[in-house]
Amino acid sequence: DCVGNATQTSLVVPFGIGGPIQPGDIVINEVLFYEPTGGTDYVELYNKTSKLFNLKDLKLGILDSVQQVSSYKSLTNEGFYLFPNDYVVVTKSLSKVKNFFYTPYPKKVLEMSDFPSLKSTGDRLTFVNSSLQIIDDFAFSEDMHFQLLNSFKGVALERIHPNLPTQDYKSWHSASQNVGFGTPTYQNSQFSEWKDVEGEITLEPEIFSPDLDGKDDVLNIRYKFPEPGYVANVQIFDSKGRLIRKLIRNELCGIEGYFVWDGLSDAKTKAEIGMYVVYVEVFHLNGTTKSYKKTCVVGGYLR
């Protein structure tokens, strides 16, 4: 203290000076847009850089009736720091978030009086910096949720990895049931850290269980080609050779990317436990054609 007495416990307080926010520095990481009865919507942001930011320099776009940004509202006028590789949840009411979701770091929740009420079927979030440059923009819908859920009410949509593109539906999945369908202020239940791709087609994980337990809920079909311009078709067959899912039809690929199988058939029923064949066929405008057969296993609990 000021007299010179040493503290009996270690006190650690992070501090710094916030730098300018550039597009892509902060990403939308989780969205609850269909709040539980008595709850409230929220959006979680993630700082994917090693820099410190003051969120008074960040604004949220308010949409008009035709989904165009009509005005911007400051997240805070008093200042709120977002540290490197950390999370902040923006909402109207901290208490209403805590009433329904485990929130281990309530000081990472920023209450915004003008936070808009999001549509339960889907909406759009646009964040800009003080120069009105778009930092991240996300038009989301209930179609991005796991379609076997009885209801999307009270279920947050989670980003699988912060480096994946925001507006790609494959970058998102419903939060795990094991965590109460939402993870405000901490790492997403559906977070996945990918390994390096080996070969042109790789399946991760080879055994997955689409049961919303937050562990290996989807199958990622990753590709890496020597050049751009390949067009892909992906089909899923069961162990008896029956086609159960036409997953991808004539989709233009980049050099590297991925497809996702959520474990559902074309009839929107859950695939039975067992082995499946992922058949990938690609062709290039130069006449090159390739095909791949990879096996995976749909796991689960026997009842």
C-alpha atoms as a PDB file:
ATOM      1  CA  ASP A   1       0.000   0.000   0.000  1.00  0.00           C
ATOM      2  CA  CYS A   2       1.021   3.683   0.049  1.00  0.00           C
ATOM      3  CA  VAL A   3       2.651   3.284   3.463  1.00  0.00           C
ATOM      4  CA  GLY A   4       4.826   0.455   2.206  1.00  0.00           C
ATOM      5  CA  ASN A   5       3.114  -2.582   3.686  1.00  0.00           C
ATOM      6  CA  ALA A   6       3.353  -5.665   1.468  1.00  0.00           C
ATOM      7  CA  THR A   7       0.126  -7.441   0.535  1.00  0.00           C
ATOM      8  CA  GLN A   8      -0.453 -10.884   1.982  1.00  0.00           C
ATOM      9  CA  THR A   9      -1.782 -12.213  -1.322  1.00  0.00           C
ATOM     10  CA  SER A  10      -0.651 -11.893  -4.910  1.00  0.00           C
ATOM     11  CA  LEU A  11      -2.614  -9.278  -6.836  1.00  0.00           C
ATOM     12  CA  VAL A  12      -2.580  -9.444 -10.639  1.00  0.00           C
ATOM     13  CA  VAL A  13      -4.433  -6.882 -12.737  1.00  0.00           C
ATOM     14  CA  PRO A  14      -4.044  -6.798 -16.531  1.00  0.00           C
ATOM     15  CA  PHE A  15      -3.994  -3.356 -18.104  1.00  0.00           C
ATOM     16  CA  GLY A  16      -2.950  -1.618 -21.304  1.00  0.00           C
ATOM     17  CA  ILE A  17      -3.853   0.906 -23.975  1.00  0.00           C
ATOM     18  CA  GLY A  18      -6.391  -0.178 -26.562  1.00  0.00           C
ATOM     19  CA  GLY A  19      -5.313  -0.113 -30.192  1.00  0.00           C
ATOM     20  CA  PRO A  20      -7.367   0.477 -33.363  1.00  0.00           C
ATOM     21  CA  ILE A  21      -9.759  -2.325 -34.321  1.00  0.00           C
ATOM     22  CA  GLN A  22      -9.256  -3.648 -37.851  1.00  0.00           C
ATOM     23  CA  PRO A  23     -11.603  -5.897 -39.870  1.00  0.00           C
ATOM     24  CA  GLY A  24     -11.269  -9.489 -38.707  1.00  0.00           C
ATOM     25  CA  ASP A  25      -9.571  -8.654 -35.391  1.00  0.00           C
ATOM     26  CA  ILE A  26     -12.766  -9.371 -33.465  1.00  0.00           C
ATOM     27  CA  VAL A  27     -15.226 -12.027 -34.660  1.00  0.00           C
ATOM     28  CA  ILE A  28     -18.768 -13.011 -33.759  1.00  0.00           C
ATOM     29  CA  ASN A  29     -18.296 -16.255 -31.843  1.00  0.00           C
ATOM     30  CA  GLU A  30     -21.713 -17.230 -30.461  1.00  0.00           C
ATOM     31  CA  VAL A  31     -25.273 -15.985 -30.879  1.00  0.00           C
ATOM     32  CA  LEU A  32     -28.430 -16.665 -28.901  1.00  0.00           C
ATOM     33  CA  PHE A  33     -31.226 -15.277 -31.055  1.00  0.00           C
ATOM     34  CA  TYR A  34     -34.220 -17.267 -29.727  1.00  0.00           C
ATOM     35  CA  GLU A  35     -34.078 -16.576 -26.030  1.00  0.00           C
ATOM     36  CA  PRO A  36     -35.755 -18.843 -23.438  1.00  0.00           C
ATOM     37  CA  THR A  37     -38.931 -17.527 -21.837  1.00  0.00           C
ATOM     38  CA  GLY A  38     -37.837 -14.910 -19.315  1.00  0.00           C
ATOM     39  CA  GLY A  39     -34.335 -14.770 -20.795  1.00  0.00           C
ATOM     40  CA  THR A  40     -32.606 -12.460 -23.238  1.00  0.00           C
ATOM     41  CA  ASP A  41     -30.656 -12.582 -26.505  1.00  0.00           C
ATOM     42  CA  TYR A  42     -26.875 -12.244 -26.518  1.00  0.00           C
ATOM     43  CA  VAL A  43     -23.899 -12.216 -28.853  1.00  0.00           C
ATOM     44  CA  GLU A  44     -20.411 -13.286 -27.867  1.00  0.00           C
ATOM     45  CA  LEU A  45     -17.360 -11.675 -29.470  1.00  0.00           C
ATOM     46  CA  TYR A  46     -13.851 -13.117 -29.543  1.00  0.00           C
ATOM     47  CA  ASN A  47     -10.554 -11.236 -29.880  1.00  0.00           C
ATOM     48  CA  LYS A  48      -8.469 -13.517 -32.122  1.00  0.00           C
ATOM     49  CA  THR A  49      -5.378 -11.289 -31.985  1.00  0.00           C
ATOM     50  CA  SER A  50      -2.583 -10.517 -29.523  1.00  0.00           C
ATOM     51  CA  LYS A  51      -3.801  -6.905 -29.258  1.00  0.00           C
ATOM     52  CA  LEU A  52      -5.887  -5.121 -26.641  1.00  0.00           C
ATOM     53  CA  PHE A  53      -9.054  -3.299 -27.712  1.00  0.00           C
ATOM     54  CA  ASN A  54     -11.377  -0.790 -26.103  1.00  0.00           C
ATOM     55  CA  LEU A  55     -14.942  -1.660 -27.059  1.00  0.00           C
ATOM     56  CA  LYS A  56     -16.018   1.976 -26.934  1.00  0.00           C
ATOM     57  CA  ASP A  57     -14.512   2.003 -30.454  1.00  0.00           C
ATOM     58  CA  LEU A  58     -16.939  -0.717 -31.592  1.00  0.00           C
ATOM     59  CA  LYS A  59     -20.508  -0.128 -32.795  1.00  0.00           C
ATOM     60  CA  LEU A  60     -23.423  -2.449 -33.549  1.00  0.00           C
ATOM     61  CA  GLY A  61     -25.519  -1.898 -36.660  1.00  0.00           C
ATOM     62  CA  ILE A  62     -29.272  -1.569 -36.167  1.00  0.00           C
ATOM     63  CA  LEU A  63     -31.291  -2.880 -39.120  1.00  0.00           C
ATOM     64  CA  ASP A  64     -34.367  -1.464 -40.781  1.00  0.00           C
ATOM     65  CA  SER A  65     -37.339  -3.425 -42.132  1.00  0.00           C
ATOM     66  CA  VAL A  66     -35.438  -4.601 -45.217  1.00  0.00           C
ATOM     67  CA  GLN A  67     -32.382  -5.840 -43.267  1.00  0.00           C
ATOM     68  CA  GLN A  68     -30.209  -2.866 -44.166  1.00  0.00           C
ATOM     69  CA  VAL A  69     -28.153  -1.052 -41.540  1.00  0.00           C
ATOM     70  CA  SER A  70     -30.001   2.159 -40.737  1.00  0.00           C
ATOM     71  CA  SER A  71     -27.989   3.323 -37.719  1.00  0.00           C
ATOM     72  CA  TYR A  72     -25.146   2.347 -35.392  1.00  0.00           C
ATOM     73  CA  LYS A  73     -25.160   2.132 -31.612  1.00  0.00           C
ATOM     74  CA  SER A  74     -22.044   2.259 -29.444  1.00  0.00           C
ATOM     75  CA  LEU A  75     -21.510  -0.819 -27.304  1.00  0.00           C
ATOM     76  CA  THR A  76     -20.383   1.376 -24.440  1.00  0.00           C
ATOM     77  CA  ASN A  77     -19.532   5.023 -23.807  1.00  0.00           C
ATOM     78  CA  GLU A  78     -17.505   4.377 -20.661  1.00  0.00           C
ATOM     79  CA  GLY A  79     -14.937   1.964 -22.044  1.00  0.00           C
ATOM     80  CA  PHE A  80     -14.694  -1.827 -21.794  1.00  0.00           C
ATOM     81  CA  TYR A  81     -11.467  -3.694 -22.555  1.00  0.00           C
ATOM     82  CA  LEU A  82     -11.281  -6.896 -24.574  1.00  0.00           C
ATOM     83  CA  PHE A  83      -7.959  -8.649 -24.000  1.00  0.00           C
ATOM     84  CA  PRO A  84      -6.087 -10.880 -26.470  1.00  0.00           C
ATOM     85  CA  ASN A  85      -7.686 -14.281 -27.149  1.00  0.00           C
ATOM     86  CA  ASP A  86     -10.552 -13.461 -24.824  1.00  0.00           C
ATOM     87  CA  TYR A  87     -14.323 -13.256 -24.933  1.00  0.00           C
ATOM     88  CA  VAL A  88     -16.986 -10.657 -24.234  1.00  0.00           C
ATOM     89  CA  VAL A  89     -20.749 -11.189 -24.226  1.00  0.00           C
ATOM     90  CA  VAL A  90     -22.937  -8.270 -25.294  1.00  0.00           C
ATOM     91  CA  THR A  91     -26.521  -8.368 -24.061  1.00  0.00           C
ATOM     92  CA  LYS A  92     -29.233  -6.260 -22.523  1.00  0.00           C
ATOM     93  CA  SER A  93     -29.252  -8.031 -19.157  1.00  0.00           C
ATOM     94  CA  LEU A  94     -26.474  -9.969 -17.401  1.00  0.00           C
ATOM     95  CA  SER A  95     -28.882 -11.385 -14.829  1.00  0.00           C
ATOM     96  CA  LYS A  96     -31.159 -12.846 -17.518  1.00  0.00           C
ATOM     97  CA  VAL A  97     -28.177 -14.557 -19.156  1.00  0.00           C
ATOM     98  CA  LYS A  98     -26.992 -15.987 -15.827  1.00  0.00           C
ATOM     99  CA  ASN A  99     -30.483 -17.249 -15.013  1.00  0.00           C
ATOM    100  CA  PHE A 100     -30.349 -19.745 -17.881  1.00  0.00           C
ATOM    101  CA  PHE A 101     -26.684 -20.312 -18.744  1.00  0.00           C
ATOM    102  CA  TYR A 102     -23.561 -21.122 -16.799  1.00  0.00           C
ATOM    103  CA  THR A 103     -21.574 -17.863 -16.969  1.00  0.00           C
ATOM    104  CA  PRO A 104     -18.219 -18.389 -15.234  1.00  0.00           C
ATOM    105  CA  TYR A 105     -16.873 -14.895 -15.984  1.00  0.00           C
ATOM    106  CA  PRO A 106     -19.679 -12.377 -15.423  1.00  0.00           C
ATOM    107  CA  LYS A 107     -17.211  -9.473 -15.653  1.00  0.00           C
ATOM    108  CA  LYS A 108     -16.825 -10.371 -19.319  1.00  0.00           C
ATOM    109  CA  VAL A 109     -20.469  -9.493 -19.938  1.00  0.00           C
ATOM    110  CA  LEU A 110     -21.146  -6.023 -21.327  1.00  0.00           C
ATOM    111  CA  GLU A 111     -24.685  -4.764 -20.780  1.00  0.00           C
ATOM    112  CA  MET A 112     -25.883  -2.643 -23.702  1.00  0.00           C
ATOM    113  CA  SER A 113     -29.136  -0.810 -23.121  1.00  0.00           C
ATOM    114  CA  ASP A 114     -29.760  -0.488 -26.883  1.00  0.00           C
ATOM    115  CA  PHE A 115     -29.022  -4.127 -27.667  1.00  0.00           C
ATOM    116  CA  PRO A 116     -31.629  -5.099 -30.282  1.00  0.00           C
ATOM    117  CA  SER A 117     -34.169  -7.876 -29.892  1.00  0.00           C
ATOM    118  CA  LEU A 118     -33.169 -10.507 -32.451  1.00  0.00           C
ATOM    119  CA  LYS A 119     -35.724 -12.418 -34.520  1.00  0.00           C
ATOM    120  CA  SER A 120     -36.283 -15.983 -33.317  1.00  0.00           C
ATOM    121  CA  THR A 121     -36.048 -17.339 -36.880  1.00  0.00           C
ATOM    122  CA  GLY A 122     -32.851 -15.487 -37.764  1.00  0.00           C
ATOM    123  CA  ASP A 123     -31.438 -12.011 -38.137  1.00  0.00           C
ATOM    124  CA  ARG A 124     -28.240 -10.110 -38.866  1.00  0.00           C
ATOM    125  CA  LEU A 125     -25.464  -8.650 -36.713  1.00  0.00           C
ATOM    126  CA  THR A 126     -23.029  -6.070 -38.091  1.00  0.00           C
ATOM    127  CA  PHE A 127     -20.160  -4.664 -36.027  1.00  0.00           C
ATOM    128  CA  VAL A 128     -18.104  -1.701 -37.240  1.00  0.00           C
ATOM    129  CA  ASN A 129     -15.181   0.289 -35.860  1.00  0.00           C
ATOM    130  CA  SER A 130     -15.079   4.039 -35.230  1.00  0.00           C
ATOM    131  CA  SER A 131     -14.366   4.599 -38.954  1.00  0.00           C
ATOM    132  CA  LEU A 132     -17.456   2.501 -39.842  1.00  0.00           C
ATOM    133  CA  GLN A 133     -15.338  -0.283 -41.351  1.00  0.00           C
ATOM    134  CA  ILE A 134     -17.088  -3.636 -41.003  1.00  0.00           C
ATOM    135  CA  ILE A 135     -15.326  -5.730 -38.368  1.00  0.00           C
ATOM    136  CA  ASP A 136     -17.633  -8.730 -38.692  1.00  0.00           C
ATOM    137  CA  ASP A 137     -21.045  -9.296 -40.248  1.00  0.00           C
ATOM    138  CA  PHE A 138     -23.286 -12.327 -39.718  1.00  0.00           C
ATOM    139  CA  ALA A 139     -26.661 -13.078 -41.279  1.00  0.00           C
ATOM    140  CA  PHE A 140     -27.839 -16.149 -39.362  1.00  0.00           C
ATOM    141  CA  SER A 141     -30.952 -18.310 -39.393  1.00  0.00           C
ATOM    142  CA  GLU A 142     -32.472 -21.292 -37.626  1.00  0.00           C
ATOM    143  CA  ASP A 143     -31.437 -23.448 -40.614  1.00  0.00           C
ATOM    144  CA  MET A 144     -27.898 -23.338 -39.190  1.00  0.00           C
ATOM    145  CA  HIS A 145     -29.046 -25.259 -36.106  1.00  0.00           C
ATOM    146  CA  PHE A 146     -28.951 -29.024 -35.684  1.00  0.00           C
ATOM    147  CA  GLN A 147     -32.207 -29.998 -37.342  1.00  0.00           C
ATOM    148  CA  LEU A 148     -33.116 -32.861 -34.975  1.00  0.00           C
ATOM    149  CA  LEU A 149     -33.650 -30.467 -32.086  1.00  0.00           C
ATOM    150  CA  ASN A 150     -37.273 -30.352 -30.977  1.00  0.00           C
ATOM    151  CA  SER A 151     -36.983 -26.593 -30.549  1.00  0.00           C
ATOM    152  CA  PHE A 152     -34.329 -23.944 -31.135  1.00  0.00           C
ATOM    153  CA  LYS A 153     -35.623 -21.896 -28.229  1.00  0.00           C
ATOM    154  CA  GLY A 154     -32.845 -21.238 -25.727  1.00  0.00           C
ATOM    155  CA  VAL A 155     -30.177 -22.817 -27.977  1.00  0.00           C
ATOM    156  CA  ALA A 156     -27.135 -20.743 -28.916  1.00  0.00           C
ATOM    157  CA  LEU A 157     -25.389 -21.009 -32.265  1.00  0.00           C
ATOM    158  CA  GLU A 158     -21.649 -21.532 -31.806  1.00  0.00           C
ATOM    159  CA  ARG A 159     -18.741 -20.901 -34.144  1.00  0.00           C
ATOM    160  CA  ILE A 160     -16.629 -24.030 -34.571  1.00  0.00           C
ATOM    161  CA  HIS A 161     -13.341 -22.122 -34.940  1.00  0.00           C
ATOM    162  CA  PRO A 162     -12.637 -18.358 -35.003  1.00  0.00           C
ATOM    163  CA  ASN A 163     -10.583 -18.643 -38.216  1.00  0.00           C
ATOM    164  CA  LEU A 164     -13.451 -20.122 -40.229  1.00  0.00           C
ATOM    165  CA  PRO A 165     -15.466 -17.736 -42.437  1.00  0.00           C
ATOM    166  CA  THR A 166     -18.361 -16.111 -40.616  1.00  0.00           C
ATOM    167  CA  GLN A 167     -20.953 -16.395 -43.360  1.00  0.00           C
ATOM    168  CA  ASP A 168     -20.368 -20.086 -44.112  1.00  0.00           C
ATOM    169  CA  TYR A 169     -23.077 -22.260 -42.546  1.00  0.00           C
ATOM    170  CA  LYS A 170     -20.464 -24.996 -42.033  1.00  0.00           C
ATOM    171  CA  SER A 171     -18.678 -22.752 -39.523  1.00  0.00           C
ATOM    172  CA  TRP A 172     -21.565 -23.016 -37.049  1.00  0.00           C
ATOM    173  CA  HIS A 173     -23.347 -25.616 -34.931  1.00  0.00           C
ATOM    174  CA  SER A 174     -25.875 -25.697 -32.117  1.00  0.00           C
ATOM    175  CA  ALA A 175     -24.320 -25.547 -28.651  1.00  0.00           C
ATOM    176  CA  SER A 176     -24.080 -28.822 -26.784  1.00  0.00           C
ATOM    177  CA  GLN A 177     -26.905 -30.050 -24.593  1.00  0.00           C
ATOM    178  CA  ASN A 178     -24.303 -31.032 -21.976  1.00  0.00           C
ATOM    179  CA  VAL A 179     -23.461 -27.367 -21.332  1.00  0.00           C
ATOM    180  CA  GLY A 180     -27.081 -26.212 -21.276  1.00  0.00           C
ATOM    181  CA  PHE A 181     -27.120 -25.128 -24.952  1.00  0.00           C
ATOM    182  CA  GLY A 182     -24.881 -22.094 -24.476  1.00  0.00           C
ATOM    183  CA  THR A 183     -21.354 -21.132 -23.375  1.00  0.00           C
ATOM    184  CA  PRO A 184     -21.307 -17.380 -22.689  1.00  0.00           C
ATOM    185  CA  THR A 185     -17.870 -15.973 -21.647  1.00  0.00           C
ATOM    186  CA  TYR A 186     -15.892 -19.184 -22.276  1.00  0.00           C
ATOM    187  CA  GLN A 187     -14.777 -21.531 -25.072  1.00  0.00           C
ATOM    188  CA  ASN A 188     -17.548 -22.938 -27.246  1.00  0.00           C
ATOM    189  CA  SER A 189     -18.696 -26.488 -26.648  1.00  0.00           C
ATOM    190  CA  GLN A 190     -18.428 -27.151 -30.395  1.00  0.00           C
ATOM    191  CA  PHE A 191     -14.905 -25.687 -30.735  1.00  0.00           C
ATOM    192  CA  SER A 192     -12.677 -27.842 -32.931  1.00  0.00           C
ATOM    193  CA  GLU A 193      -8.930 -27.489 -33.493  1.00  0.00           C
ATOM    194  CA  TRP A 194      -8.067 -29.145 -36.782  1.00  0.00           C
ATOM    195  CA  LYS A 195      -4.947 -31.107 -37.565  1.00  0.00           C
ATOM    196  CA  ASP A 196      -2.920 -30.617 -40.743  1.00  0.00           C
ATOM    197  CA  VAL A 197      -4.502 -32.172 -43.824  1.00  0.00           C
ATOM    198  CA  GLU A 198      -2.781 -35.343 -45.018  1.00  0.00           C
ATOM    199  CA  GLY A 199      -3.810 -36.366 -48.521  1.00  0.00           C
ATOM    200  CA  GLU A 200      -6.417 -34.773 -50.751  1.00  0.00           C
ATOM    201  CA  ILE A 201      -9.417 -36.030 -48.736  1.00  0.00           C
ATOM    202  CA  THR A 202      -9.347 -36.436 -44.947  1.00  0.00           C
ATOM    203  CA  LEU A 203     -12.148 -37.264 -42.497  1.00  0.00           C
ATOM    204  CA  GLU A 204     -12.136 -35.794 -38.980  1.00  0.00           C
ATOM    205  CA  PRO A 205     -12.978 -37.478 -36.700  1.00  0.00           C
ATOM    206  CA  GLU A 206     -13.305 -40.942 -38.204  1.00  0.00           C
ATOM    207  CA  ILE A 207     -15.709 -41.838 -35.394  1.00  0.00           C
ATOM    208  CA  PHE A 208     -18.323 -39.191 -34.597  1.00  0.00           C
ATOM    209  CA  SER A 209     -21.556 -39.129 -32.626  1.00  0.00           C
ATOM    210  CA  PRO A 210     -24.265 -36.616 -33.613  1.00  0.00           C
ATOM    211  CA  ASP A 211     -25.840 -36.467 -30.167  1.00  0.00           C
ATOM    212  CA  LEU A 212     -25.145 -32.836 -29.110  1.00  0.00           C
ATOM    213  CA  ASP A 213     -22.850 -33.835 -26.259  1.00  0.00           C
ATOM    214  CA  GLY A 214     -20.235 -31.347 -27.448  1.00  0.00           C
ATOM    215  CA  LYS A 215     -17.720 -34.020 -28.475  1.00  0.00           C
ATOM    216  CA  ASP A 216     -17.310 -35.007 -32.131  1.00  0.00           C
ATOM    217  CA  ASP A 217     -20.877 -34.064 -33.062  1.00  0.00           C
ATOM    218  CA  VAL A 218     -20.165 -33.680 -36.804  1.00  0.00           C
ATOM    219  CA  LEU A 219     -17.955 -35.235 -39.453  1.00  0.00           C
ATOM    220  CA  ASN A 220     -15.617 -32.830 -41.249  1.00  0.00           C
ATOM    221  CA  ILE A 221     -14.698 -33.902 -44.778  1.00  0.00           C
ATOM    222  CA  ARG A 222     -11.582 -31.882 -45.530  1.00  0.00           C
ATOM    223  CA  TYR A 223      -9.994 -31.479 -48.946  1.00  0.00           C
ATOM    224  CA  LYS A 224      -6.721 -30.099 -50.257  1.00  0.00           C
ATOM    225  CA  PHE A 225      -6.100 -30.007 -54.003  1.00  0.00           C
ATOM    226  CA  PRO A 226      -2.975 -28.972 -55.950  1.00  0.00           C
ATOM    227  CA  GLU A 227      -4.904 -26.280 -57.847  1.00  0.00           C
ATOM    228  CA  PRO A 228      -8.242 -24.450 -57.767  1.00  0.00           C
ATOM    229  CA  GLY A 229     -11.144 -25.191 -60.089  1.00  0.00           C
ATOM    230  CA  TYR A 230     -12.327 -28.602 -58.900  1.00  0.00           C
ATOM    231  CA  VAL A 231     -16.070 -29.271 -58.623  1.00  0.00           C
ATOM    232  CA  ALA A 232     -17.196 -31.811 -56.013  1.00  0.00           C
ATOM    233  CA  ASN A 233     -20.035 -34.225 -55.408  1.00  0.00           C
ATOM    234  CA  VAL A 234     -20.238 -35.994 -52.044  1.00  0.00           C
ATOM    235  CA  GLN A 235     -22.519 -38.912 -51.189  1.00  0.00           C
ATOM    236  CA  ILE A 236     -22.925 -41.002 -48.030  1.00  0.00           C
ATOM    237  CA  PHE A 237     -23.607 -44.758 -48.224  1.00  0.00           C
ATOM    238  CA  ASP A 238     -24.375 -47.169 -45.388  1.00  0.00           C
ATOM    239  CA  SER A 239     -22.578 -50.486 -44.871  1.00  0.00           C
ATOM    240  CA  LYS A 240     -25.041 -52.229 -47.222  1.00  0.00           C
ATOM    241  CA  GLY A 241     -24.282 -49.826 -50.053  1.00  0.00           C
ATOM    242  CA  ARG A 242     -27.524 -47.861 -49.804  1.00  0.00           C
ATOM    243  CA  LEU A 243     -27.363 -44.146 -50.548  1.00  0.00           C
ATOM    244  CA  ILE A 244     -28.626 -42.249 -47.502  1.00  0.00           C
ATOM    245  CA  ARG A 245     -27.425 -38.702 -48.124  1.00  0.00           C
ATOM    246  CA  LYS A 246     -26.573 -36.619 -51.176  1.00  0.00           C
ATOM    247  CA  LEU A 247     -24.451 -34.198 -49.218  1.00  0.00           C
ATOM    248  CA  ILE A 248     -22.839 -31.983 -51.884  1.00  0.00           C
ATOM    249  CA  ARG A 249     -23.875 -31.444 -55.485  1.00  0.00           C
ATOM    250  CA  ASN A 250     -21.608 -29.705 -57.999  1.00  0.00           C
ATOM    251  CA  GLU A 251     -19.948 -27.381 -55.506  1.00  0.00           C
ATOM    252  CA  LEU A 252     -16.950 -25.383 -56.681  1.00  0.00           C
ATOM    253  CA  CYS A 253     -13.969 -26.011 -54.392  1.00  0.00           C
ATOM    254  CA  GLY A 254     -11.037 -23.882 -53.457  1.00  0.00           C
ATOM    255  CA  ILE A 255      -7.560 -25.277 -53.044  1.00  0.00           C
ATOM    256  CA  GLU A 256      -8.366 -26.159 -49.445  1.00  0.00           C
ATOM    257  CA  GLY A 257     -11.669 -26.412 -47.593  1.00  0.00           C
ATOM    258  CA  TYR A 258     -14.160 -28.783 -46.054  1.00  0.00           C
ATOM    259  CA  PHE A 259     -17.699 -30.162 -46.065  1.00  0.00           C
ATOM    260  CA  VAL A 260     -19.730 -31.182 -43.019  1.00  0.00           C
ATOM    261  CA  TRP A 261     -21.997 -34.170 -42.422  1.00  0.00           C
ATOM    262  CA  ASP A 262     -24.230 -33.772 -39.391  1.00  0.00           C
ATOM    263  CA  GLY A 263     -25.152 -37.458 -39.270  1.00  0.00           C
ATOM    264  CA  LEU A 264     -28.592 -36.996 -40.818  1.00  0.00           C
ATOM    265  CA  SER A 265     -30.051 -38.713 -43.868  1.00  0.00           C
ATOM    266  CA  ASP A 266     -31.834 -36.981 -46.741  1.00  0.00           C
ATOM    267  CA  ALA A 267     -35.060 -37.819 -44.896  1.00  0.00           C
ATOM    268  CA  LYS A 268     -33.842 -35.799 -41.882  1.00  0.00           C
ATOM    269  CA  THR A 269     -33.512 -38.920 -39.716  1.00  0.00           C
ATOM    270  CA  LYS A 270     -30.466 -39.730 -37.637  1.00  0.00           C
ATOM    271  CA  ALA A 271     -28.121 -42.286 -39.170  1.00  0.00           C
ATOM    272  CA  GLU A 272     -27.971 -45.568 -37.272  1.00  0.00           C
ATOM    273  CA  ILE A 273     -24.848 -46.575 -35.391  1.00  0.00           C
ATOM    274  CA  GLY A 274     -22.401 -48.260 -37.733  1.00  0.00           C
ATOM    275  CA  MET A 275     -19.914 -47.826 -40.556  1.00  0.00           C
ATOM    276  CA  TYR A 276     -20.508 -45.533 -43.535  1.00  0.00           C
ATOM    277  CA  VAL A 277     -18.734 -44.815 -46.795  1.00  0.00           C
ATOM    278  CA  VAL A 278     -18.095 -41.232 -47.861  1.00  0.00           C
ATOM    279  CA  TYR A 279     -17.804 -41.162 -51.642  1.00  0.00           C
ATOM    280  CA  VAL A 280     -16.234 -38.002 -53.053  1.00  0.00           C
ATOM    281  CA  GLU A 281     -16.095 -37.385 -56.771  1.00  0.00           C
ATOM    282  CA  VAL A 282     -14.390 -34.315 -58.229  1.00  0.00           C
ATOM    283  CA  PHE A 283     -13.813 -33.080 -61.735  1.00  0.00           C
ATOM    284  CA  HIS A 284     -11.859 -30.194 -63.233  1.00  0.00           C
ATOM    285  CA  LEU A 285     -12.602 -28.184 -66.336  1.00  0.00           C
ATOM    286  CA  ASN A 286      -9.302 -29.401 -67.786  1.00  0.00           C
ATOM    287  CA  GLY A 287     -10.820 -32.882 -67.913  1.00  0.00           C
ATOM    288  CA  THR A 288      -9.267 -34.320 -64.754  1.00  0.00           C
ATOM    289  CA  THR A 289     -11.590 -36.514 -62.677  1.00  0.00           C
ATOM    290  CA  LYS A 290     -10.884 -38.129 -59.320  1.00  0.00           C
ATOM    291  CA  SER A 291     -12.883 -40.230 -56.885  1.00  0.00           C
ATOM    292  CA  TYR A 292     -12.272 -41.182 -53.264  1.00  0.00           C
ATOM    293  CA  LYS A 293     -13.867 -43.669 -50.875  1.00  0.00           C
ATOM    294  CA  LYS A 294     -13.354 -43.007 -47.180  1.00  0.00           C
ATOM    295  CA  THR A 295     -14.956 -44.795 -44.246  1.00  0.00           C
ATOM    296  CA  CYS A 296     -16.295 -43.317 -41.041  1.00  0.00           C
ATOM    297  CA  VAL A 297     -18.280 -44.591 -38.081  1.00  0.00           C
ATOM    298  CA  VAL A 298     -21.409 -43.120 -36.555  1.00  0.00           C
ATOM    299  CA  GLY A 299     -21.138 -43.870 -32.862  1.00  0.00           C
ATOM    300  CA  GLY A 300     -23.511 -43.486 -29.956  1.00  0.00           C
ATOM    301  CA  TYR A 301     -24.911 -45.122 -26.844  1.00  0.00           C
ATOM    302  CA  LEU A 302     -26.695 -48.453 -27.059  1.00  0.00           C
ATOM    303  CA  ARG A 303     -29.942 -48.354 -25.092  1.00  0.00           C
END
